[in-house]
N, C-alpha and C. Protein backbone atom coordinates (compact mmCIF):
# COMPACT_ATOMS: atom_id res chain seq x y z
N MET A 1 -19.71 29.53 23.53
CA MET A 1 -18.85 28.56 22.87
C MET A 1 -19.70 27.33 22.59
N THR A 2 -19.91 27.06 21.32
CA THR A 2 -20.73 25.90 20.95
C THR A 2 -19.90 24.93 20.14
N ASP A 3 -20.16 23.68 20.36
CA ASP A 3 -19.48 22.61 19.64
C ASP A 3 -20.45 22.03 18.62
N PRO A 4 -20.08 21.96 17.33
CA PRO A 4 -21.02 21.45 16.34
C PRO A 4 -21.33 19.97 16.52
N ASN A 5 -20.53 19.24 17.30
CA ASN A 5 -20.77 17.82 17.51
C ASN A 5 -21.70 17.55 18.69
N VAL A 6 -22.05 18.60 19.43
CA VAL A 6 -22.89 18.44 20.61
C VAL A 6 -24.25 19.07 20.34
N THR A 7 -25.30 18.29 20.56
CA THR A 7 -26.65 18.82 20.42
C THR A 7 -27.36 18.65 21.76
N THR A 8 -28.13 19.62 22.10
CA THR A 8 -28.88 19.54 23.36
C THR A 8 -30.36 19.59 23.03
N GLY A 9 -31.12 18.96 23.85
CA GLY A 9 -32.57 18.97 23.67
C GLY A 9 -33.24 19.04 25.02
N SER A 10 -34.44 19.54 25.05
CA SER A 10 -35.18 19.67 26.30
C SER A 10 -36.49 18.92 26.16
N HIS A 11 -36.73 17.97 27.07
CA HIS A 11 -37.96 17.19 27.06
C HIS A 11 -38.59 17.30 28.45
N ALA A 12 -39.68 18.00 28.53
CA ALA A 12 -40.45 18.15 29.77
C ALA A 12 -39.57 18.57 30.94
N GLY A 13 -38.74 19.56 30.72
CA GLY A 13 -37.93 20.08 31.80
C GLY A 13 -36.60 19.39 31.97
N ALA A 14 -36.38 18.25 31.32
CA ALA A 14 -35.11 17.53 31.43
C ALA A 14 -34.23 17.91 30.26
N THR A 15 -32.96 18.01 30.52
CA THR A 15 -32.00 18.34 29.46
C THR A 15 -31.16 17.11 29.17
N SER A 16 -31.02 16.80 27.89
CA SER A 16 -30.17 15.67 27.50
C SER A 16 -29.12 16.17 26.52
N VAL A 17 -27.99 15.56 26.59
CA VAL A 17 -26.88 15.93 25.73
C VAL A 17 -26.52 14.73 24.88
N HIS A 18 -26.45 14.93 23.56
CA HIS A 18 -26.07 13.88 22.62
C HIS A 18 -24.75 14.28 21.99
N ILE A 19 -23.76 13.43 22.14
CA ILE A 19 -22.44 13.72 21.59
C ILE A 19 -22.16 12.74 20.47
N HIS A 20 -21.82 13.28 19.31
CA HIS A 20 -21.46 12.44 18.16
C HIS A 20 -19.95 12.46 18.01
N VAL A 21 -19.35 11.31 18.11
CA VAL A 21 -17.91 11.19 17.95
C VAL A 21 -17.65 10.33 16.71
N ALA A 22 -16.88 10.86 15.79
CA ALA A 22 -16.57 10.11 14.56
C ALA A 22 -15.65 8.94 14.90
N PRO A 23 -15.91 7.77 14.33
CA PRO A 23 -15.04 6.63 14.60
C PRO A 23 -13.65 6.84 14.02
N GLN A 24 -12.66 6.44 14.77
CA GLN A 24 -11.28 6.58 14.31
C GLN A 24 -10.81 5.23 13.82
N ASP A 25 -10.83 5.07 12.51
CA ASP A 25 -10.46 3.80 11.89
C ASP A 25 -9.08 3.96 11.27
N THR A 26 -8.05 3.80 12.08
CA THR A 26 -6.69 3.98 11.60
C THR A 26 -5.90 2.67 11.61
N GLY A 27 -6.58 1.55 11.80
CA GLY A 27 -5.89 0.27 11.92
C GLY A 27 -5.08 -0.10 10.69
N LEU A 28 -5.66 0.05 9.49
CA LEU A 28 -4.94 -0.29 8.27
C LEU A 28 -3.74 0.63 8.06
N ALA A 29 -3.91 1.90 8.36
CA ALA A 29 -2.83 2.86 8.18
C ALA A 29 -1.66 2.56 9.12
N VAL A 30 -1.97 2.25 10.36
CA VAL A 30 -0.92 1.93 11.33
C VAL A 30 -0.23 0.62 10.94
N ALA A 31 -1.00 -0.37 10.52
CA ALA A 31 -0.41 -1.64 10.09
C ALA A 31 0.50 -1.43 8.90
N SER A 32 0.10 -0.57 7.97
CA SER A 32 0.93 -0.27 6.81
C SER A 32 2.25 0.37 7.22
N LEU A 33 2.17 1.32 8.15
CA LEU A 33 3.40 1.99 8.62
C LEU A 33 4.33 1.02 9.34
N VAL A 34 3.77 0.18 10.19
CA VAL A 34 4.59 -0.78 10.93
C VAL A 34 5.27 -1.76 9.97
N LEU A 35 4.51 -2.28 9.01
CA LEU A 35 5.10 -3.21 8.04
C LEU A 35 6.14 -2.53 7.16
N GLY A 36 5.89 -1.28 6.79
CA GLY A 36 6.85 -0.54 5.97
C GLY A 36 8.16 -0.30 6.70
N VAL A 37 8.07 0.14 7.95
CA VAL A 37 9.29 0.39 8.73
C VAL A 37 10.04 -0.91 8.98
N PHE A 38 9.31 -1.97 9.30
CA PHE A 38 9.96 -3.26 9.55
C PHE A 38 10.60 -3.81 8.28
N SER A 39 9.98 -3.58 7.13
CA SER A 39 10.59 -4.04 5.88
C SER A 39 11.86 -3.27 5.56
N ILE A 40 11.89 -1.97 5.87
CA ILE A 40 13.11 -1.19 5.66
C ILE A 40 14.23 -1.71 6.57
N CYS A 41 13.88 -2.05 7.79
CA CYS A 41 14.89 -2.53 8.74
C CYS A 41 15.42 -3.91 8.37
N THR A 42 14.58 -4.76 7.79
CA THR A 42 15.03 -6.13 7.51
C THR A 42 15.60 -6.32 6.12
N VAL A 43 15.33 -5.41 5.20
CA VAL A 43 15.76 -5.63 3.82
C VAL A 43 17.28 -5.63 3.69
N TRP A 44 17.98 -4.97 4.58
CA TRP A 44 19.43 -4.84 4.47
C TRP A 44 20.18 -6.00 5.11
N ILE A 45 19.48 -6.89 5.80
CA ILE A 45 20.12 -8.02 6.47
C ILE A 45 20.06 -9.22 5.53
N PRO A 46 21.22 -9.77 5.14
CA PRO A 46 21.20 -10.92 4.23
C PRO A 46 20.39 -12.09 4.81
N PHE A 47 19.67 -12.75 3.98
CA PHE A 47 18.80 -13.90 4.26
C PHE A 47 17.58 -13.52 5.11
N VAL A 48 17.75 -12.68 6.13
CA VAL A 48 16.61 -12.21 6.91
C VAL A 48 15.77 -11.26 6.05
N GLY A 49 16.43 -10.60 5.12
CA GLY A 49 15.76 -9.66 4.23
C GLY A 49 14.71 -10.30 3.35
N LEU A 50 14.70 -11.61 3.27
CA LEU A 50 13.65 -12.28 2.49
C LEU A 50 12.27 -12.02 3.09
N ILE A 51 12.23 -11.75 4.36
CA ILE A 51 10.96 -11.41 5.02
C ILE A 51 10.39 -10.12 4.43
N ALA A 52 11.27 -9.22 4.01
CA ALA A 52 10.83 -7.94 3.46
C ALA A 52 10.04 -8.13 2.16
N TRP A 53 10.28 -9.23 1.46
CA TRP A 53 9.52 -9.50 0.23
C TRP A 53 8.05 -9.74 0.54
N ILE A 54 7.74 -10.14 1.75
CA ILE A 54 6.35 -10.33 2.16
C ILE A 54 5.81 -9.05 2.80
N LEU A 55 6.62 -8.43 3.66
CA LEU A 55 6.16 -7.28 4.43
C LEU A 55 5.92 -6.04 3.57
N ALA A 56 6.85 -5.75 2.65
CA ALA A 56 6.74 -4.52 1.87
C ALA A 56 5.51 -4.48 0.97
N PRO A 57 5.24 -5.53 0.17
CA PRO A 57 4.02 -5.45 -0.64
C PRO A 57 2.74 -5.45 0.20
N LEU A 58 2.75 -6.19 1.30
CA LEU A 58 1.58 -6.22 2.17
C LEU A 58 1.33 -4.84 2.78
N GLY A 59 2.40 -4.18 3.23
CA GLY A 59 2.27 -2.83 3.77
C GLY A 59 1.82 -1.83 2.72
N LEU A 60 2.31 -2.01 1.49
CA LEU A 60 1.91 -1.13 0.40
C LEU A 60 0.42 -1.29 0.09
N ILE A 61 -0.05 -2.52 0.05
CA ILE A 61 -1.47 -2.77 -0.23
C ILE A 61 -2.34 -2.21 0.89
N LEU A 62 -1.96 -2.47 2.14
CA LEU A 62 -2.75 -1.94 3.26
C LEU A 62 -2.79 -0.41 3.27
N GLY A 63 -1.66 0.21 2.96
CA GLY A 63 -1.61 1.67 2.91
C GLY A 63 -2.48 2.24 1.81
N LEU A 64 -2.46 1.59 0.64
CA LEU A 64 -3.29 2.07 -0.46
C LEU A 64 -4.78 1.88 -0.16
N VAL A 65 -5.12 0.79 0.50
CA VAL A 65 -6.53 0.57 0.89
C VAL A 65 -6.94 1.63 1.91
N ALA A 66 -6.05 1.96 2.85
CA ALA A 66 -6.36 2.99 3.85
C ALA A 66 -6.51 4.36 3.20
N LEU A 67 -5.75 4.61 2.13
CA LEU A 67 -5.87 5.90 1.44
C LEU A 67 -7.16 6.00 0.63
N LYS A 68 -7.73 4.89 0.23
CA LYS A 68 -8.98 4.91 -0.53
C LYS A 68 -10.16 5.31 0.34
N ARG A 69 -10.03 5.15 1.64
CA ARG A 69 -11.12 5.52 2.55
C ARG A 69 -11.23 7.03 2.62
N PRO A 70 -12.39 7.53 3.05
CA PRO A 70 -12.55 8.99 3.15
C PRO A 70 -11.51 9.60 4.09
N THR A 71 -11.26 10.85 3.89
CA THR A 71 -10.24 11.53 4.70
C THR A 71 -10.57 11.40 6.17
N GLY A 72 -9.56 11.20 6.95
CA GLY A 72 -9.75 11.03 8.38
C GLY A 72 -8.43 11.21 9.10
N PRO A 73 -8.40 10.86 10.35
CA PRO A 73 -7.20 11.09 11.14
C PRO A 73 -6.02 10.21 10.73
N GLY A 74 -6.24 9.11 10.02
CA GLY A 74 -5.16 8.21 9.67
C GLY A 74 -4.58 8.42 8.29
N ARG A 75 -4.97 9.47 7.60
CA ARG A 75 -4.50 9.68 6.23
C ARG A 75 -2.99 9.91 6.16
N GLY A 76 -2.46 10.71 7.04
CA GLY A 76 -1.01 10.96 7.04
C GLY A 76 -0.22 9.71 7.40
N VAL A 77 -0.74 8.93 8.31
CA VAL A 77 -0.08 7.68 8.69
C VAL A 77 -0.11 6.71 7.50
N ALA A 78 -1.21 6.69 6.75
CA ALA A 78 -1.31 5.83 5.58
C ALA A 78 -0.30 6.24 4.51
N ILE A 79 -0.13 7.54 4.31
CA ILE A 79 0.85 8.03 3.34
C ILE A 79 2.25 7.63 3.77
N ALA A 80 2.56 7.78 5.04
CA ALA A 80 3.87 7.38 5.55
C ALA A 80 4.07 5.87 5.38
N GLY A 81 3.03 5.09 5.60
CA GLY A 81 3.11 3.64 5.42
C GLY A 81 3.38 3.25 3.98
N VAL A 82 2.72 3.94 3.05
CA VAL A 82 2.93 3.66 1.62
C VAL A 82 4.37 4.01 1.23
N VAL A 83 4.86 5.14 1.70
CA VAL A 83 6.23 5.56 1.37
C VAL A 83 7.25 4.59 1.95
N CYS A 84 7.10 4.21 3.22
CA CYS A 84 8.04 3.27 3.84
C CYS A 84 7.98 1.90 3.18
N SER A 85 6.80 1.45 2.83
CA SER A 85 6.67 0.16 2.17
C SER A 85 7.29 0.20 0.78
N ALA A 86 7.12 1.32 0.07
CA ALA A 86 7.73 1.47 -1.25
C ALA A 86 9.25 1.48 -1.15
N ILE A 87 9.79 2.13 -0.14
CA ILE A 87 11.25 2.12 0.06
C ILE A 87 11.73 0.70 0.36
N GLY A 88 11.01 -0.03 1.19
CA GLY A 88 11.36 -1.42 1.47
C GLY A 88 11.31 -2.28 0.23
N LEU A 89 10.29 -2.07 -0.62
CA LEU A 89 10.17 -2.84 -1.86
C LEU A 89 11.29 -2.48 -2.83
N LEU A 90 11.66 -1.21 -2.89
CA LEU A 90 12.79 -0.81 -3.73
C LEU A 90 14.09 -1.44 -3.23
N GLY A 91 14.23 -1.55 -1.92
CA GLY A 91 15.41 -2.23 -1.37
C GLY A 91 15.44 -3.70 -1.78
N CYS A 92 14.29 -4.36 -1.78
CA CYS A 92 14.22 -5.76 -2.22
C CYS A 92 14.62 -5.89 -3.69
N ILE A 93 14.08 -4.99 -4.51
CA ILE A 93 14.42 -5.02 -5.93
C ILE A 93 15.90 -4.71 -6.13
N GLY A 94 16.43 -3.80 -5.33
CA GLY A 94 17.86 -3.49 -5.41
C GLY A 94 18.73 -4.70 -5.12
N TRP A 95 18.34 -5.52 -4.14
CA TRP A 95 19.09 -6.74 -3.85
C TRP A 95 19.09 -7.68 -5.05
N VAL A 96 17.94 -7.84 -5.69
CA VAL A 96 17.85 -8.73 -6.85
C VAL A 96 18.75 -8.22 -7.97
N VAL A 97 18.74 -6.92 -8.22
CA VAL A 97 19.60 -6.33 -9.26
C VAL A 97 21.06 -6.52 -8.90
N LEU A 98 21.40 -6.29 -7.64
CA LEU A 98 22.79 -6.44 -7.21
C LEU A 98 23.27 -7.89 -7.33
N ILE A 99 22.47 -8.83 -6.90
CA ILE A 99 22.85 -10.24 -6.98
C ILE A 99 22.92 -10.67 -8.45
N GLY A 100 21.99 -10.18 -9.28
CA GLY A 100 22.03 -10.50 -10.71
C GLY A 100 23.26 -9.93 -11.37
N ALA A 101 23.66 -8.71 -11.01
CA ALA A 101 24.84 -8.09 -11.62
C ALA A 101 26.11 -8.83 -11.19
N VAL A 102 26.20 -9.18 -9.92
CA VAL A 102 27.38 -9.91 -9.44
C VAL A 102 27.45 -11.28 -10.11
N THR A 103 26.32 -11.93 -10.26
CA THR A 103 26.30 -13.25 -10.91
C THR A 103 26.69 -13.13 -12.38
N ALA A 104 26.16 -12.12 -13.07
CA ALA A 104 26.43 -11.97 -14.50
C ALA A 104 27.90 -11.60 -14.75
N PHE A 105 28.43 -10.68 -13.95
CA PHE A 105 29.81 -10.27 -14.16
C PHE A 105 30.80 -11.29 -13.58
N GLY A 106 30.36 -12.03 -12.61
CA GLY A 106 31.23 -13.04 -12.01
C GLY A 106 31.39 -14.24 -12.95
N ALA A 107 30.38 -14.53 -13.75
CA ALA A 107 30.45 -15.67 -14.69
C ALA A 107 31.24 -15.31 -15.94
N ALA A 108 31.40 -14.04 -16.23
CA ALA A 108 32.08 -13.62 -17.47
C ALA A 108 33.55 -13.58 -17.33
């Protein structure tokens, strides 16, 4: 059983083991997911939902930046973050449309 990430070498009777571990850079993807989920939770609360106008686009940008990086362990988390942030942003836009419609029909 050999592991392609493990190399062994022998120097004058001594054996050394070198292990290469790929760095796990999932910070942007996790931040995107957290901001996306939080924006979905806050967008439905009147006045508090204004926070979602900041969180959703920020989560969307972070998720897209994380997706531009080479494939890695955080790719699925980044996709989930982009989707959640997009849903939060759609909720924000929905509020604007709803308030605009109520204002327009209420004035008529």
